[in-house]
């Protein structure tokens, strides 16, 4: 038993430092991707409701593509494709070399996927709000921007929260994919430790525990947000 505690200990003889760093990278990547996915997902849901046929069509094509492609393939397209394109541009123009890091590539790729799914969640939330609320707010003299901020958006957050919570859980799990492009996340660090020590079951078990802890903490945080959004509800 002491042997296993030593393996995950901190310091030169253990892998605790590396795995802790991997957990920090995983959480940082998920948190960095979340606002990008939420903002673009919300804008896509607005575009899908636009009277402009081409804008609506473009938004639907975007979501169809990124909901249909495997996340790993999207990650490869961004990491290898975008870096290849940047390399070609810098070589042809004589500019200094520019490259997307593994972290930025993962953030962009996962942001594409998250925003595509989030747009459908937001769209469903928009459709759940009666149109008469907009008409009533307009009759009171509120402009479109104030109607969105004061009337529609608070309800959107409450209605969309369960779906967005599921997407957040998927995002946490999908961060494991970035290990294949060299980012030192939980999966990569535990994988290296497993190969070096020849203890794959033990270190992948550590990865399981870390992901479960992150999931439980997320559930607690989401529960708090849900209670906050319903603080004005009348008790039955």
C-alpha atoms as a PDB file:
ATOM      1  CA  UNK A   1       0.000   0.000   0.000  1.00  0.00           C
ATOM      2  CA  UNK A   2       2.876   2.347   0.809  1.00  0.00           C
ATOM      3  CA  UNK A   3       4.148   1.794  -2.720  1.00  0.00           C
ATOM      4  CA  UNK A   4       0.968   3.216  -4.219  1.00  0.00           C
ATOM      5  CA  UNK A   5       0.960   6.228  -1.920  1.00  0.00           C
ATOM      6  CA  UNK A   6       4.536   6.890  -2.970  1.00  0.00           C
ATOM      7  CA  UNK A   7       3.565   6.785  -6.643  1.00  0.00           C
ATOM      8  CA  UNK A   8       1.066   9.627  -6.265  1.00  0.00           C
ATOM      9  CA  UNK A   9       3.185  11.542  -3.763  1.00  0.00           C
ATOM     10  CA  UNK A  10       4.575  15.001  -4.427  1.00  0.00           C
ATOM     11  CA  UNK A  11       8.257  15.441  -5.070  1.00  0.00           C
ATOM     12  CA  UNK A  12      10.902  13.751  -7.222  1.00  0.00           C
ATOM     13  CA  UNK A  13       9.736  10.212  -6.430  1.00  0.00           C
ATOM     14  CA  UNK A  14       6.015  10.644  -7.061  1.00  0.00           C
ATOM     15  CA  UNK A  15       3.683  11.694  -9.843  1.00  0.00           C
ATOM     16  CA  UNK A  16       1.415  13.848  -7.725  1.00  0.00           C
ATOM     17  CA  UNK A  17       2.853  17.128  -9.029  1.00  0.00           C
ATOM     18  CA  UNK A  18       2.351  16.141 -12.673  1.00  0.00           C
ATOM     19  CA  UNK A  19      -1.174  14.821 -12.142  1.00  0.00           C
ATOM     20  CA  UNK A  20      -2.182  17.907 -10.139  1.00  0.00           C
ATOM     21  CA  UNK A  21      -0.885  20.071 -12.980  1.00  0.00           C
ATOM     22  CA  UNK A  22      -2.886  17.963 -15.429  1.00  0.00           C
ATOM     23  CA  UNK A  23      -6.043  18.511 -13.371  1.00  0.00           C
ATOM     24  CA  UNK A  24      -5.403  22.263 -13.403  1.00  0.00           C
ATOM     25  CA  UNK A  25      -4.948  22.213 -17.186  1.00  0.00           C
ATOM     26  CA  UNK A  26      -8.179  20.212 -17.635  1.00  0.00           C
ATOM     27  CA  UNK A  27     -10.214  22.640 -15.519  1.00  0.00           C
ATOM     28  CA  UNK A  28      -8.590  25.675 -17.165  1.00  0.00           C
ATOM     29  CA  UNK A  29      -9.360  24.378 -20.641  1.00  0.00           C
ATOM     30  CA  UNK A  30     -13.001  23.666 -19.782  1.00  0.00           C
ATOM     31  CA  UNK A  31     -13.474  27.061 -18.107  1.00  0.00           C
ATOM     32  CA  UNK A  32     -11.793  28.878 -20.997  1.00  0.00           C
ATOM     33  CA  UNK A  33     -13.998  27.092 -23.533  1.00  0.00           C
ATOM     34  CA  UNK A  34     -17.274  27.608 -21.659  1.00  0.00           C
ATOM     35  CA  UNK A  35     -17.792  31.371 -22.230  1.00  0.00           C
ATOM     36  CA  UNK A  36     -16.807  31.050 -25.896  1.00  0.00           C
ATOM     37  CA  UNK A  37     -19.292  28.245 -26.423  1.00  0.00           C
ATOM     38  CA  UNK A  38     -22.068  30.033 -24.533  1.00  0.00           C
ATOM     39  CA  UNK A  39     -21.677  33.355 -26.358  1.00  0.00           C
ATOM     40  CA  UNK A  40     -21.432  31.833 -29.826  1.00  0.00           C
ATOM     41  CA  UNK A  41     -24.215  29.371 -29.047  1.00  0.00           C
ATOM     42  CA  UNK A  42     -26.497  32.222 -27.984  1.00  0.00           C
ATOM     43  CA  UNK A  43     -25.630  34.245 -31.107  1.00  0.00           C
ATOM     44  CA  UNK A  44     -26.266  31.189 -33.281  1.00  0.00           C
ATOM     45  CA  UNK A  45     -29.695  30.719 -31.705  1.00  0.00           C
ATOM     46  CA  UNK A  46     -30.520  34.347 -32.537  1.00  0.00           C
ATOM     47  CA  UNK A  47     -29.267  33.838 -36.091  1.00  0.00           C
ATOM     48  CA  UNK A  48     -31.502  30.787 -36.512  1.00  0.00           C
ATOM     49  CA  UNK A  49     -34.515  32.932 -35.652  1.00  0.00           C
ATOM     50  CA  UNK A  50     -33.480  35.737 -37.987  1.00  0.00           C
ATOM     51  CA  UNK A  51     -35.731  36.856 -40.833  1.00  0.00           C
ATOM     52  CA  UNK A  52     -32.628  36.895 -43.019  1.00  0.00           C
ATOM     53  CA  UNK A  53     -32.807  33.540 -44.804  1.00  0.00           C
ATOM     54  CA  UNK A  54     -29.074  33.396 -45.529  1.00  0.00           C
ATOM     55  CA  UNK A  55     -28.115  34.162 -41.921  1.00  0.00           C
ATOM     56  CA  UNK A  56     -30.492  31.496 -40.653  1.00  0.00           C
ATOM     57  CA  UNK A  57     -29.230  28.991 -43.228  1.00  0.00           C
ATOM     58  CA  UNK A  58     -25.586  29.697 -42.329  1.00  0.00           C
ATOM     59  CA  UNK A  59     -26.275  29.119 -38.636  1.00  0.00           C
ATOM     60  CA  UNK A  60     -28.066  25.840 -39.377  1.00  0.00           C
ATOM     61  CA  UNK A  61     -25.211  24.644 -41.607  1.00  0.00           C
ATOM     62  CA  UNK A  62     -22.683  25.478 -38.882  1.00  0.00           C
ATOM     63  CA  UNK A  63     -24.562  23.526 -36.223  1.00  0.00           C
ATOM     64  CA  UNK A  64     -25.178  20.592 -38.557  1.00  0.00           C
ATOM     65  CA  UNK A  65     -21.470  20.306 -39.312  1.00  0.00           C
ATOM     66  CA  UNK A  66     -20.139  20.538 -35.774  1.00  0.00           C
ATOM     67  CA  UNK A  67     -22.885  18.428 -34.242  1.00  0.00           C
ATOM     68  CA  UNK A  68     -22.226  15.743 -36.849  1.00  0.00           C
ATOM     69  CA  UNK A  69     -18.415  15.606 -36.798  1.00  0.00           C
ATOM     70  CA  UNK A  70     -16.661  13.543 -34.117  1.00  0.00           C
ATOM     71  CA  UNK A  71     -15.002  15.852 -31.574  1.00  0.00           C
ATOM     72  CA  UNK A  72     -11.627  14.213 -32.176  1.00  0.00           C
ATOM     73  CA  UNK A  73     -11.831  14.912 -35.906  1.00  0.00           C
ATOM     74  CA  UNK A  74     -12.753  18.551 -35.219  1.00  0.00           C
ATOM     75  CA  UNK A  75      -9.735  18.795 -32.923  1.00  0.00           C
ATOM     76  CA  UNK A  76      -7.415  17.394 -35.619  1.00  0.00           C
ATOM     77  CA  UNK A  77      -8.828  19.754 -38.251  1.00  0.00           C
ATOM     78  CA  UNK A  78      -8.208  22.773 -36.026  1.00  0.00           C
ATOM     79  CA  UNK A  79      -4.788  21.704 -34.735  1.00  0.00           C
ATOM     80  CA  UNK A  80      -3.240  20.367 -37.927  1.00  0.00           C
ATOM     81  CA  UNK A  81      -5.326  22.258 -40.485  1.00  0.00           C
ATOM     82  CA  UNK A  82      -5.129  25.702 -38.904  1.00  0.00           C
ATOM     83  CA  UNK A  83      -1.436  25.347 -38.111  1.00  0.00           C
ATOM     84  CA  UNK A  84      -0.744  24.169 -41.655  1.00  0.00           C
ATOM     85  CA  UNK A  85      -2.623  27.160 -43.040  1.00  0.00           C
ATOM     86  CA  UNK A  86      -0.772  29.571 -40.749  1.00  0.00           C
ATOM     87  CA  UNK A  87       2.544  28.018 -41.765  1.00  0.00           C
ATOM     88  CA  UNK A  88       1.736  28.478 -45.441  1.00  0.00           C
ATOM     89  CA  UNK A  89       0.757  32.110 -44.890  1.00  0.00           C
ATOM     90  CA  UNK A  90       3.886  32.966 -42.912  1.00  0.00           C
ATOM     91  CA  UNK A  91       6.151  31.241 -45.433  1.00  0.00           C
ATOM     92  CA  UNK A  92       4.571  33.013 -48.409  1.00  0.00           C
ATOM     93  CA  UNK A  93       4.533  36.455 -46.752  1.00  0.00           C
ATOM     94  CA  UNK A  94       7.826  36.274 -44.888  1.00  0.00           C
ATOM     95  CA  UNK A  95       6.162  36.946 -41.547  1.00  0.00           C
ATOM     96  CA  UNK A  96       7.429  35.325 -38.333  1.00  0.00           C
ATOM     97  CA  UNK A  97       6.131  31.823 -37.722  1.00  0.00           C
ATOM     98  CA  UNK A  98       2.738  31.679 -36.017  1.00  0.00           C
ATOM     99  CA  UNK A  99       1.278  28.507 -34.552  1.00  0.00           C
ATOM    100  CA  UNK A 100      -1.675  27.601 -32.379  1.00  0.00           C
ATOM    101  CA  UNK A 101      -0.713  25.894 -29.150  1.00  0.00           C
ATOM    102  CA  UNK A 102      -2.357  22.662 -28.069  1.00  0.00           C
ATOM    103  CA  UNK A 103      -4.342  24.584 -25.448  1.00  0.00           C
ATOM    104  CA  UNK A 104      -5.657  27.188 -27.897  1.00  0.00           C
ATOM    105  CA  UNK A 105      -6.426  24.526 -30.513  1.00  0.00           C
ATOM    106  CA  UNK A 106      -8.371  22.491 -27.961  1.00  0.00           C
ATOM    107  CA  UNK A 107     -10.246  25.573 -26.799  1.00  0.00           C
ATOM    108  CA  UNK A 108     -11.248  26.498 -30.357  1.00  0.00           C
ATOM    109  CA  UNK A 109     -12.250  22.962 -31.376  1.00  0.00           C
ATOM    110  CA  UNK A 110     -14.254  22.269 -28.228  1.00  0.00           C
ATOM    111  CA  UNK A 111     -15.764  25.756 -28.499  1.00  0.00           C
ATOM    112  CA  UNK A 112     -17.038  24.943 -31.985  1.00  0.00           C
ATOM    113  CA  UNK A 113     -18.696  21.765 -30.765  1.00  0.00           C
ATOM    114  CA  UNK A 114     -20.087  23.274 -27.556  1.00  0.00           C
ATOM    115  CA  UNK A 115     -21.555  26.297 -29.356  1.00  0.00           C
ATOM    116  CA  UNK A 116     -23.272  24.083 -31.943  1.00  0.00           C
ATOM    117  CA  UNK A 117     -25.066  22.060 -29.266  1.00  0.00           C
ATOM    118  CA  UNK A 118     -25.680  25.076 -27.029  1.00  0.00           C
ATOM    119  CA  UNK A 119     -27.423  26.880 -29.883  1.00  0.00           C
ATOM    120  CA  UNK A 120     -30.079  24.159 -29.966  1.00  0.00           C
ATOM    121  CA  UNK A 121     -30.568  24.403 -26.204  1.00  0.00           C
ATOM    122  CA  UNK A 122     -30.968  28.177 -26.408  1.00  0.00           C
ATOM    123  CA  UNK A 123     -33.301  27.872 -29.394  1.00  0.00           C
ATOM    124  CA  UNK A 124     -35.575  25.506 -27.487  1.00  0.00           C
ATOM    125  CA  UNK A 125     -35.571  27.908 -24.545  1.00  0.00           C
ATOM    126  CA  UNK A 126     -36.559  30.806 -26.812  1.00  0.00           C
ATOM    127  CA  UNK A 127     -39.456  28.777 -28.200  1.00  0.00           C
ATOM    128  CA  UNK A 128     -40.653  27.948 -24.684  1.00  0.00           C
ATOM    129  CA  UNK A 129     -41.271  31.633 -23.901  1.00  0.00           C
ATOM    130  CA  UNK A 130     -44.729  32.837 -25.039  1.00  0.00           C
ATOM    131  CA  UNK A 131     -44.558  35.505 -27.722  1.00  0.00           C
ATOM    132  CA  UNK A 132     -47.117  37.521 -25.786  1.00  0.00           C
ATOM    133  CA  UNK A 133     -44.449  38.439 -23.246  1.00  0.00           C
ATOM    134  CA  UNK A 134     -42.547  40.363 -25.892  1.00  0.00           C
ATOM    135  CA  UNK A 135     -45.719  42.078 -27.030  1.00  0.00           C
ATOM    136  CA  UNK A 136     -46.631  42.990 -23.443  1.00  0.00           C
ATOM    137  CA  UNK A 137     -43.155  44.388 -22.750  1.00  0.00           C
ATOM    138  CA  UNK A 138     -43.259  46.402 -25.984  1.00  0.00           C
ATOM    139  CA  UNK A 139     -46.668  47.773 -24.981  1.00  0.00           C
ATOM    140  CA  UNK A 140     -45.085  49.041 -21.758  1.00  0.00           C
ATOM    141  CA  UNK A 141     -42.588  51.008 -23.840  1.00  0.00           C
ATOM    142  CA  UNK A 142     -39.545  48.770 -23.537  1.00  0.00           C
ATOM    143  CA  UNK A 143     -37.165  48.667 -26.498  1.00  0.00           C
ATOM    144  CA  UNK A 144     -35.879  45.437 -28.072  1.00  0.00           C
ATOM    145  CA  UNK A 145     -32.609  45.519 -26.090  1.00  0.00           C
ATOM    146  CA  UNK A 146     -34.360  46.046 -22.730  1.00  0.00           C
ATOM    147  CA  UNK A 147     -36.933  43.378 -23.548  1.00  0.00           C
ATOM    148  CA  UNK A 148     -34.114  40.909 -24.197  1.00  0.00           C
ATOM    149  CA  UNK A 149     -32.177  41.820 -21.033  1.00  0.00           C
ATOM    150  CA  UNK A 150     -35.034  42.300 -18.575  1.00  0.00           C
ATOM    151  CA  UNK A 151     -37.713  39.895 -19.820  1.00  0.00           C
ATOM    152  CA  UNK A 152     -36.319  37.208 -22.110  1.00  0.00           C
ATOM    153  CA  UNK A 153     -32.758  36.546 -20.897  1.00  0.00           C
ATOM    154  CA  UNK A 154     -33.606  35.730 -17.235  1.00  0.00           C
ATOM    155  CA  UNK A 155     -36.108  33.137 -18.423  1.00  0.00           C
ATOM    156  CA  UNK A 156     -33.689  31.780 -21.037  1.00  0.00           C
ATOM    157  CA  UNK A 157     -31.089  31.125 -18.337  1.00  0.00           C
ATOM    158  CA  UNK A 158     -33.552  29.229 -16.156  1.00  0.00           C
ATOM    159  CA  UNK A 159     -35.064  27.170 -18.975  1.00  0.00           C
ATOM    160  CA  UNK A 160     -31.763  26.373 -20.693  1.00  0.00           C
ATOM    161  CA  UNK A 161     -29.791  25.555 -17.523  1.00  0.00           C
ATOM    162  CA  UNK A 162     -30.477  21.765 -17.423  1.00  0.00           C
ATOM    163  CA  UNK A 163     -29.429  21.353 -21.055  1.00  0.00           C
ATOM    164  CA  UNK A 164     -26.368  23.562 -20.626  1.00  0.00           C
ATOM    165  CA  UNK A 165     -25.418  21.621 -17.492  1.00  0.00           C
ATOM    166  CA  UNK A 166     -25.348  18.409 -19.538  1.00  0.00           C
ATOM    167  CA  UNK A 167     -23.199  20.127 -22.156  1.00  0.00           C
ATOM    168  CA  UNK A 168     -20.778  21.266 -19.446  1.00  0.00           C
ATOM    169  CA  UNK A 169     -20.421  17.678 -18.224  1.00  0.00           C
ATOM    170  CA  UNK A 170     -19.725  16.564 -21.796  1.00  0.00           C
ATOM    171  CA  UNK A 171     -17.197  19.371 -22.168  1.00  0.00           C
ATOM    172  CA  UNK A 172     -15.328  18.205 -19.063  1.00  0.00           C
ATOM    173  CA  UNK A 173     -15.081  14.698 -20.526  1.00  0.00           C
ATOM    174  CA  UNK A 174     -14.171  15.930 -24.005  1.00  0.00           C
ATOM    175  CA  UNK A 175     -11.126  17.767 -22.644  1.00  0.00           C
ATOM    176  CA  UNK A 176      -9.508  14.325 -22.405  1.00  0.00           C
ATOM    177  CA  UNK A 177      -9.225  14.364 -26.207  1.00  0.00           C
ATOM    178  CA  UNK A 178      -6.568  17.099 -26.155  1.00  0.00           C
ATOM    179  CA  UNK A 179      -4.095  14.608 -24.742  1.00  0.00           C
ATOM    180  CA  UNK A 180      -3.632  13.250 -28.271  1.00  0.00           C
ATOM    181  CA  UNK A 181      -2.171  16.591 -29.436  1.00  0.00           C
ATOM    182  CA  UNK A 182       0.264  16.841 -26.549  1.00  0.00           C
ATOM    183  CA  UNK A 183      -1.554  18.951 -23.969  1.00  0.00           C
ATOM    184  CA  UNK A 184      -0.572  17.903 -20.444  1.00  0.00           C
ATOM    185  CA  UNK A 185      -4.077  17.282 -19.092  1.00  0.00           C
ATOM    186  CA  UNK A 186      -5.238  14.585 -16.684  1.00  0.00           C
ATOM    187  CA  UNK A 187      -5.301  11.835 -19.309  1.00  0.00           C
ATOM    188  CA  UNK A 188      -1.862  12.607 -20.696  1.00  0.00           C
ATOM    189  CA  UNK A 189      -0.187  12.883 -17.304  1.00  0.00           C
ATOM    190  CA  UNK A 190      -1.759   9.718 -15.942  1.00  0.00           C
ATOM    191  CA  UNK A 191      -0.994   7.942 -19.225  1.00  0.00           C
ATOM    192  CA  UNK A 192       2.687   8.858 -18.999  1.00  0.00           C
ATOM    193  CA  UNK A 193       2.787   7.745 -15.365  1.00  0.00           C
ATOM    194  CA  UNK A 194       1.098   4.455 -16.279  1.00  0.00           C
ATOM    195  CA  UNK A 195       3.647   3.717 -19.011  1.00  0.00           C
ATOM    196  CA  UNK A 196       6.690   4.636 -16.938  1.00  0.00           C
ATOM    197  CA  UNK A 197       5.652   2.792 -13.786  1.00  0.00           C
ATOM    198  CA  UNK A 198       3.817  -0.037 -15.593  1.00  0.00           C
ATOM    199  CA  UNK A 199       0.838   0.533 -13.323  1.00  0.00           C
ATOM    200  CA  UNK A 200      -1.898   1.372 -15.863  1.00  0.00           C
ATOM    201  CA  UNK A 201      -4.842   0.193 -13.772  1.00  0.00           C
ATOM    202  CA  UNK A 202      -3.741   2.260 -10.793  1.00  0.00           C
ATOM    203  CA  UNK A 203      -3.083   5.537 -12.617  1.00  0.00           C
ATOM    204  CA  UNK A 204      -6.127   5.333 -14.860  1.00  0.00           C
ATOM    205  CA  UNK A 205      -8.067   4.667 -11.669  1.00  0.00           C
ATOM    206  CA  UNK A 206      -6.638   7.941 -10.340  1.00  0.00           C
ATOM    207  CA  UNK A 207      -7.888   9.637 -13.521  1.00  0.00           C
ATOM    208  CA  UNK A 208     -11.360   8.164 -12.932  1.00  0.00           C
ATOM    209  CA  UNK A 209     -11.433   9.562  -9.403  1.00  0.00           C
ATOM    210  CA  UNK A 210     -10.323  13.022 -10.572  1.00  0.00           C
ATOM    211  CA  UNK A 211     -13.002  13.203 -13.273  1.00  0.00           C
ATOM    212  CA  UNK A 212     -15.655  12.027 -10.816  1.00  0.00           C
ATOM    213  CA  UNK A 213     -14.575  14.694  -8.315  1.00  0.00           C
ATOM    214  CA  UNK A 214     -14.785  17.371 -11.006  1.00  0.00           C
ATOM    215  CA  UNK A 215     -18.220  16.090 -11.985  1.00  0.00           C
ATOM    216  CA  UNK A 216     -19.491  16.162  -8.399  1.00  0.00           C
ATOM    217  CA  UNK A 217     -18.144  19.671  -7.816  1.00  0.00           C
ATOM    218  CA  UNK A 218     -19.801  20.768 -11.059  1.00  0.00           C
ATOM    219  CA  UNK A 219     -23.106  19.269  -9.937  1.00  0.00           C
ATOM    220  CA  UNK A 220     -22.908  21.206  -6.667  1.00  0.00           C
ATOM    221  CA  UNK A 221     -22.126  24.454  -8.508  1.00  0.00           C
ATOM    222  CA  UNK A 222     -24.915  23.901 -11.046  1.00  0.00           C
ATOM    223  CA  UNK A 223     -27.353  23.162  -8.234  1.00  0.00           C
ATOM    224  CA  UNK A 224     -26.428  26.486  -6.633  1.00  0.00           C
ATOM    225  CA  UNK A 225     -26.971  28.326  -9.916  1.00  0.00           C
ATOM    226  CA  UNK A 226     -30.331  26.604 -10.366  1.00  0.00           C
ATOM    227  CA  UNK A 227     -31.468  27.689  -6.894  1.00  0.00           C
ATOM    228  CA  UNK A 228     -30.319  31.231  -7.639  1.00  0.00           C
ATOM    229  CA  UNK A 229     -32.315  31.377 -10.895  1.00  0.00           C
ATOM    230  CA  UNK A 230     -35.435  30.178  -9.065  1.00  0.00           C
ATOM    231  CA  UNK A 231     -35.086  32.428  -6.036  1.00  0.00           C
ATOM    232  CA  UNK A 232     -38.139  34.440  -7.096  1.00  0.00           C
ATOM    233  CA  UNK A 233     -40.443  31.457  -7.551  1.00  0.00           C
ATOM    234  CA  UNK A 234     -43.494  31.294  -5.342  1.00  0.00           C
ATOM    235  CA  UNK A 235     -43.333  28.358  -2.935  1.00  0.00           C
ATOM    236  CA  UNK A 236     -46.061  25.795  -3.475  1.00  0.00           C
END
